[in-house]
Amino acid sequence: MNFADNHTRPRLAVHKFSSCDGCQLALLNAGESLLLLAEKVELVHFVEAGVVNEMAECDIALIEGSVSTPQEMERIKHIRAHTQYLVTIGACATAGGIQALRNYADGQQWINSIYAQPEYIASLSTVTPIAAHVRVDFELWGCPINTKQVLAMVQSLLLDVTPVDVNDSVCIDCKRQGNNCVLVTQQEPCLGPVTRTGCGALCPQFGRACYGCYGPQENPNVPALRQRFEGLGLAPEIARQRFQFITSTAPAFASAAKKSDVT
């Protein structure tokens, strides 16, 4: 569909699932750029911006958050059936996010321990990304997303152009900025070599190891990096846990998190 052929503005919706709202806030923080975008599209649902109509038909749906409840599973199917382009934004929607850490534990046991009446809590046994339930047209990674990337993606769709998938590694950004490699100089277990860029190498810029919030880059050699971590002196269990943080359900990271991958 070519939006340029329409006499009306394309309809844009931003939906929240299990998440912290950080990616929606990153979009709101676009400020003037968001106002310019609002002149090109009709916002039909964006709770953080004060527009509420969850069942609205739309042309582009931006999805923040993972699926962790039966109600969310049904809601994402409804959204998919009533939008042309469905785009996941942020680590939760693309790879489960922080809440997917409970996939490594007994979630029901946690619920029973925390809530006085656990029978009122409707929760799935595992937390899953949006793509596990419906077709996704494009993914934007990050925790939170890169505001410029999401605006560029929407602009591409409005022009009927396939959005650019930025999947260089964080190491490329470090080299561009002249950062000292924390893996080499500080022996820090940095995920930069296998993580896609988007954050501007924020953590390494301040001497801290990347923890992979933008998910795996294209063709990452994750097993080799995990072996390198163990070579730094990390116990195998700790090395595995480096891949179990924000994007733990991404296949490359999920594989490295398994005990059987590296011995």
Protein backbone atom coordinates (compact mmCIF):
# COMPACT_ATOMS: atom_id res chain seq x y z
CA MET A 1 0.00 0.00 0.00
CA ASN A 2 1.34 3.41 -0.98
CA PHE A 3 0.30 5.93 1.64
CA ALA A 4 1.05 8.75 -0.79
CA ASP A 5 -1.97 7.67 -2.83
CA ASN A 6 -4.33 8.30 0.07
CA HIS A 7 -6.13 11.57 0.62
CA THR A 8 -6.25 10.98 4.38
CA ARG A 9 -3.34 10.74 6.78
CA PRO A 10 -2.15 7.21 7.68
CA ARG A 11 -3.37 6.05 11.08
CA LEU A 12 -0.69 5.27 13.68
CA ALA A 13 -1.22 3.40 16.95
CA VAL A 14 1.24 2.74 19.79
CA HIS A 15 0.29 -0.22 21.96
CA LYS A 16 1.73 -1.25 25.33
CA PHE A 17 2.10 -4.84 26.52
CA SER A 18 4.21 -6.09 29.47
CA SER A 19 6.89 -3.41 29.75
CA CYS A 20 8.08 -0.37 31.67
CA ASP A 21 6.83 2.26 29.13
CA GLY A 22 10.44 3.30 28.48
CA CYS A 23 10.19 2.95 24.70
CA GLN A 24 7.01 5.01 24.58
CA LEU A 25 8.75 7.67 26.64
CA ALA A 26 11.70 7.59 24.24
CA LEU A 27 9.23 8.33 21.45
CA LEU A 28 7.65 11.15 23.42
CA ASN A 29 11.10 12.59 24.10
CA ALA A 30 11.49 13.16 20.37
CA GLY A 31 9.86 16.52 21.07
CA GLU A 32 9.58 18.66 17.96
CA SER A 33 10.28 15.69 15.68
CA LEU A 34 7.27 13.90 17.15
CA LEU A 35 5.11 16.96 16.53
CA LEU A 36 6.23 16.98 12.90
CA LEU A 37 5.38 13.29 12.65
CA ALA A 38 1.94 13.97 14.12
CA GLU A 39 1.29 16.30 11.18
CA LYS A 40 1.88 13.41 8.76
CA VAL A 41 -0.12 10.72 10.56
CA GLU A 42 -3.29 10.47 12.60
CA LEU A 43 -2.58 9.18 16.09
CA VAL A 44 -5.49 6.86 16.84
CA HIS A 45 -4.09 5.24 19.99
CA PHE A 46 -1.14 6.32 22.13
CA VAL A 47 -2.00 6.34 25.83
CA GLU A 48 1.21 8.10 26.89
CA ALA A 49 0.28 10.96 24.53
CA GLY A 50 -3.32 11.07 25.77
CA VAL A 51 -5.01 9.33 22.81
CA VAL A 52 -6.96 6.23 23.86
CA ASN A 53 -8.76 3.92 21.43
CA GLU A 54 -7.22 0.48 21.79
CA MET A 55 -9.55 -1.18 19.28
CA ALA A 56 -8.97 1.39 16.52
CA GLU A 57 -8.13 0.28 13.00
CA CYS A 58 -4.70 1.56 11.95
CA ASP A 59 -2.15 1.46 9.16
CA ILE A 60 0.95 1.26 11.36
CA ALA A 61 0.98 -0.31 14.84
CA LEU A 62 4.02 0.12 17.08
CA ILE A 63 4.11 -2.53 19.81
CA GLU A 64 6.00 -2.07 23.06
CA GLY A 65 6.28 -4.93 25.52
CA SER A 66 6.23 -8.72 25.63
CA VAL A 67 3.36 -11.21 25.97
CA SER A 68 3.02 -12.50 29.52
CA THR A 69 -0.74 -12.93 30.09
CA PRO A 70 -3.57 -14.76 28.28
CA GLN A 71 -5.29 -11.42 27.69
CA GLU A 72 -2.20 -10.03 25.96
CA MET A 73 -2.05 -13.08 23.71
CA GLU A 74 -5.56 -12.40 22.45
CA ARG A 75 -5.03 -8.65 22.18
CA ILE A 76 -1.96 -8.92 19.93
CA LYS A 77 -3.93 -11.16 17.55
CA HIS A 78 -6.65 -8.52 17.35
CA ILE A 79 -4.12 -5.77 16.64
CA ARG A 80 -2.44 -7.86 13.95
CA ALA A 81 -5.79 -8.42 12.24
CA HIS A 82 -6.55 -4.68 12.20
CA THR A 83 -3.29 -3.13 11.00
CA GLN A 84 -1.27 -3.20 7.80
CA TYR A 85 2.22 -2.85 9.31
CA LEU A 86 3.03 -4.21 12.76
CA VAL A 87 6.38 -3.08 14.16
CA THR A 88 7.86 -4.18 17.49
CA ILE A 89 9.81 -1.51 19.35
CA GLY A 90 12.26 -2.24 22.14
CA ALA A 91 13.85 -5.27 23.78
CA CYS A 92 10.65 -6.45 25.49
CA ALA A 93 8.68 -6.70 22.25
CA THR A 94 11.54 -8.14 20.21
CA ALA A 95 13.14 -10.51 22.74
CA GLY A 96 11.13 -10.71 25.97
CA GLY A 97 12.94 -8.03 27.96
CA ILE A 98 13.80 -8.10 31.65
CA GLN A 99 10.58 -9.93 32.55
CA ALA A 100 11.67 -12.91 30.43
CA LEU A 101 14.20 -13.69 33.16
CA ARG A 102 11.41 -15.56 34.90
CA ASN A 103 11.57 -18.11 32.07
CA TYR A 104 14.61 -19.45 33.90
CA ALA A 105 12.64 -19.96 37.10
CA ASP A 106 9.33 -21.35 38.32
CA GLY A 107 7.01 -18.39 37.73
CA GLN A 108 4.06 -19.95 39.50
CA GLN A 109 6.18 -20.48 42.60
CA TRP A 110 7.05 -16.78 42.59
CA ILE A 111 3.38 -15.83 42.30
CA ASN A 112 2.46 -18.15 45.16
CA SER A 113 5.21 -16.64 47.31
CA ILE A 114 4.35 -13.00 46.61
CA TYR A 115 0.57 -12.78 46.42
CA ALA A 116 -1.86 -13.60 49.21
CA GLN A 117 -4.43 -14.81 46.65
CA PRO A 118 -2.43 -16.10 43.68
CA GLU A 119 -5.55 -17.52 42.05
CA TYR A 120 -6.43 -13.98 40.92
CA ILE A 121 -3.19 -13.60 38.96
CA ALA A 122 -3.54 -14.53 35.28
CA SER A 123 -0.06 -15.18 33.95
CA LEU A 124 1.42 -17.37 31.23
CA SER A 125 4.08 -19.89 32.19
CA THR A 126 6.66 -18.06 30.05
CA VAL A 127 7.25 -14.55 28.71
CA THR A 128 7.56 -14.38 24.92
CA PRO A 129 8.29 -11.74 22.25
CA ILE A 130 5.53 -10.53 19.94
CA ALA A 131 6.89 -12.50 16.97
CA ALA A 132 6.17 -15.74 18.83
CA HIS A 133 2.44 -15.08 18.35
CA VAL A 134 1.87 -13.01 15.20
CA ARG A 135 3.65 -11.93 12.04
CA VAL A 136 5.92 -8.93 12.61
CA ASP A 137 6.79 -6.68 9.67
CA PHE A 138 9.81 -4.96 11.22
CA GLU A 139 11.70 -4.98 14.52
CA LEU A 140 13.45 -2.15 16.33
CA TRP A 141 15.69 -3.32 19.16
CA GLY A 142 16.90 -1.48 22.25
CA CYS A 143 16.21 -0.79 25.90
CA PRO A 144 14.92 1.76 25.26
CA ILE A 145 14.68 2.21 21.50
CA ASN A 146 16.72 4.78 19.64
CA THR A 147 14.27 7.62 18.98
CA LYS A 148 15.90 8.60 15.68
CA GLN A 149 15.65 5.03 14.41
CA VAL A 150 11.93 4.71 15.16
CA LEU A 151 11.14 8.05 13.51
CA ALA A 152 13.20 7.06 10.45
CA MET A 153 11.39 3.73 10.31
CA VAL A 154 7.94 5.37 10.36
CA GLN A 155 9.06 7.87 7.71
CA SER A 156 10.24 5.00 5.49
CA LEU A 157 6.87 3.26 5.77
CA LEU A 158 5.08 6.49 4.92
CA LEU A 159 7.19 6.71 1.76
CA ASP A 160 6.49 3.03 0.96
CA VAL A 161 10.19 2.21 1.41
CA THR A 162 11.55 -0.78 3.32
CA PRO A 163 13.10 0.53 6.58
CA VAL A 164 16.84 0.11 7.07
CA ASP A 165 17.79 -2.58 9.58
CA VAL A 166 20.87 -1.27 11.42
CA ASN A 167 22.73 -4.35 12.66
CA ASP A 168 26.41 -3.38 12.92
CA SER A 169 28.09 -4.28 16.20
CA VAL A 170 28.65 -1.93 19.12
CA CYS A 171 32.38 -2.38 18.48
CA ILE A 172 31.99 -0.39 15.26
CA ASP A 173 30.64 2.57 17.24
CA CYS A 174 33.48 2.26 19.75
CA LYS A 175 36.03 2.46 16.93
CA ARG A 176 34.28 5.46 15.40
CA GLN A 177 34.34 7.27 18.73
CA GLY A 178 37.89 6.25 19.65
CA ASN A 179 36.79 4.42 22.81
CA ASN A 180 39.26 2.13 24.53
CA CYS A 181 38.07 -1.48 24.28
CA VAL A 182 36.93 -2.46 27.79
CA LEU A 183 37.21 -6.15 26.89
CA VAL A 184 40.90 -5.79 26.00
CA THR A 185 42.11 -3.02 28.32
CA GLN A 186 39.98 -3.74 31.40
CA GLN A 187 39.23 -7.45 30.94
CA GLU A 188 35.51 -6.65 31.28
CA PRO A 189 32.97 -9.21 29.92
CA CYS A 190 31.63 -6.85 27.25
CA LEU A 191 28.88 -8.00 24.86
CA GLY A 192 29.77 -5.29 22.35
CA PRO A 193 31.31 -7.70 19.78
CA VAL A 194 27.98 -9.55 19.37
CA THR A 195 25.48 -6.75 20.08
CA ARG A 196 23.92 -4.51 17.42
CA THR A 197 24.51 -0.81 17.62
CA GLY A 198 21.91 1.85 18.29
CA CYS A 199 22.90 3.19 21.69
CA GLY A 200 26.05 4.92 20.42
CA ALA A 201 28.22 2.59 22.54
CA LEU A 202 26.99 4.43 25.63
CA CYS A 203 28.31 2.03 28.27
CA PRO A 204 31.81 1.45 26.79
CA GLN A 205 32.07 5.21 26.30
CA PHE A 206 32.09 5.47 30.11
CA GLY A 207 34.35 2.48 30.68
CA ARG A 208 31.59 -0.07 31.33
CA ALA A 209 30.95 -3.36 29.56
CA CYS A 210 28.04 -3.55 27.11
CA TYR A 211 25.26 -5.83 28.38
CA GLY A 212 23.48 -6.42 25.08
CA CYS A 213 20.32 -4.34 25.35
CA TYR A 214 20.08 -3.98 21.54
CA GLY A 215 20.17 -7.72 20.95
CA PRO A 216 22.43 -9.78 18.68
CA GLN A 217 24.06 -8.17 15.67
CA GLU A 218 24.05 -9.91 12.29
CA ASN A 219 25.90 -13.27 12.37
CA PRO A 220 27.29 -12.97 15.92
CA ASN A 221 29.92 -15.45 17.08
CA VAL A 222 28.38 -15.79 20.51
CA PRO A 223 29.94 -19.14 21.56
CA ALA A 224 33.44 -17.73 20.96
CA LEU A 225 32.70 -14.66 23.08
CA ARG A 226 31.35 -16.82 25.87
CA GLN A 227 34.57 -18.83 25.78
CA ARG A 228 36.48 -15.55 25.97
CA PHE A 229 34.54 -14.60 29.09
CA GLU A 230 35.53 -17.87 30.71
CA GLY A 231 39.10 -17.11 29.66
CA LEU A 232 38.84 -13.90 31.67
CA GLY A 233 38.18 -16.03 34.74
CA LEU A 234 34.39 -16.02 34.82
CA ALA A 235 32.81 -19.25 36.02
CA PRO A 236 30.77 -20.98 33.28
CA GLU A 237 27.53 -20.16 35.11
CA ILE A 238 28.41 -16.46 35.32
CA ALA A 239 29.48 -16.42 31.67
CA ARG A 240 26.11 -17.89 30.72
CA GLN A 241 24.27 -15.28 32.73
CA ARG A 242 25.83 -12.49 30.69
CA PHE A 243 23.48 -13.56 27.88
CA GLN A 244 20.40 -13.89 30.11
CA PHE A 245 19.69 -10.24 30.74
CA ILE A 246 17.57 -7.95 28.55
CA THR A 247 17.35 -9.91 25.28
CA SER A 248 17.56 -13.46 26.59
CA THR A 249 15.02 -14.99 24.16
CA ALA A 250 16.94 -13.85 21.06
CA PRO A 251 18.05 -17.19 19.54
CA ALA A 252 21.78 -16.40 19.50
CA PHE A 253 21.79 -15.30 23.13
CA ALA A 254 19.40 -18.04 24.27
CA SER A 255 21.75 -20.62 22.75
CA ALA A 256 24.76 -19.19 24.58
CA ALA A 257 22.81 -19.25 27.82
CA LYS A 258 22.43 -23.03 27.67
CA LYS A 259 24.73 -25.11 29.83
CA SER A 260 25.46 -27.54 27.01
CA ASP A 261 26.79 -24.99 24.52
CA VAL A 262 30.27 -24.58 25.93
CA THR A 263 32.01 -26.86 28.37
